Amino acid sequence: MSNKKYKIEHDRENCIACGACAVLAPDFWILSKEDGKADVVNSVKTDDGYEHLDMEDKDFPINKDAADACPVNVIHILDKETKKRII
């Protein structure tokens, strides 16, 4: 059984490049050298502008902090089992 219970969902198109996520969780978030917007490290990008990454339980708190710090609410964490947004 996988311990990757959560999924990060990032609405990159609406990111304003404030950098809070990269400061709080640098192992998961980086700022693009091209446009300054945040990117989820090793994420899967979809045509609709979203980035997705499965996340282990131990990484939930730091990514919750990143989501909570986002001033435009473009970082979401989903429960993979229920497919519902937690944040």
Foldseek 3Di string as FASTA:
>chain_A
DDQLQKKKKFQQVPFPLPCLLCVQPVVFWDADPVPNTIDGPPWDADPNRMTMDRDGPVCVVSLVSSQVPRPVNRIWMAGVVVRDTPD
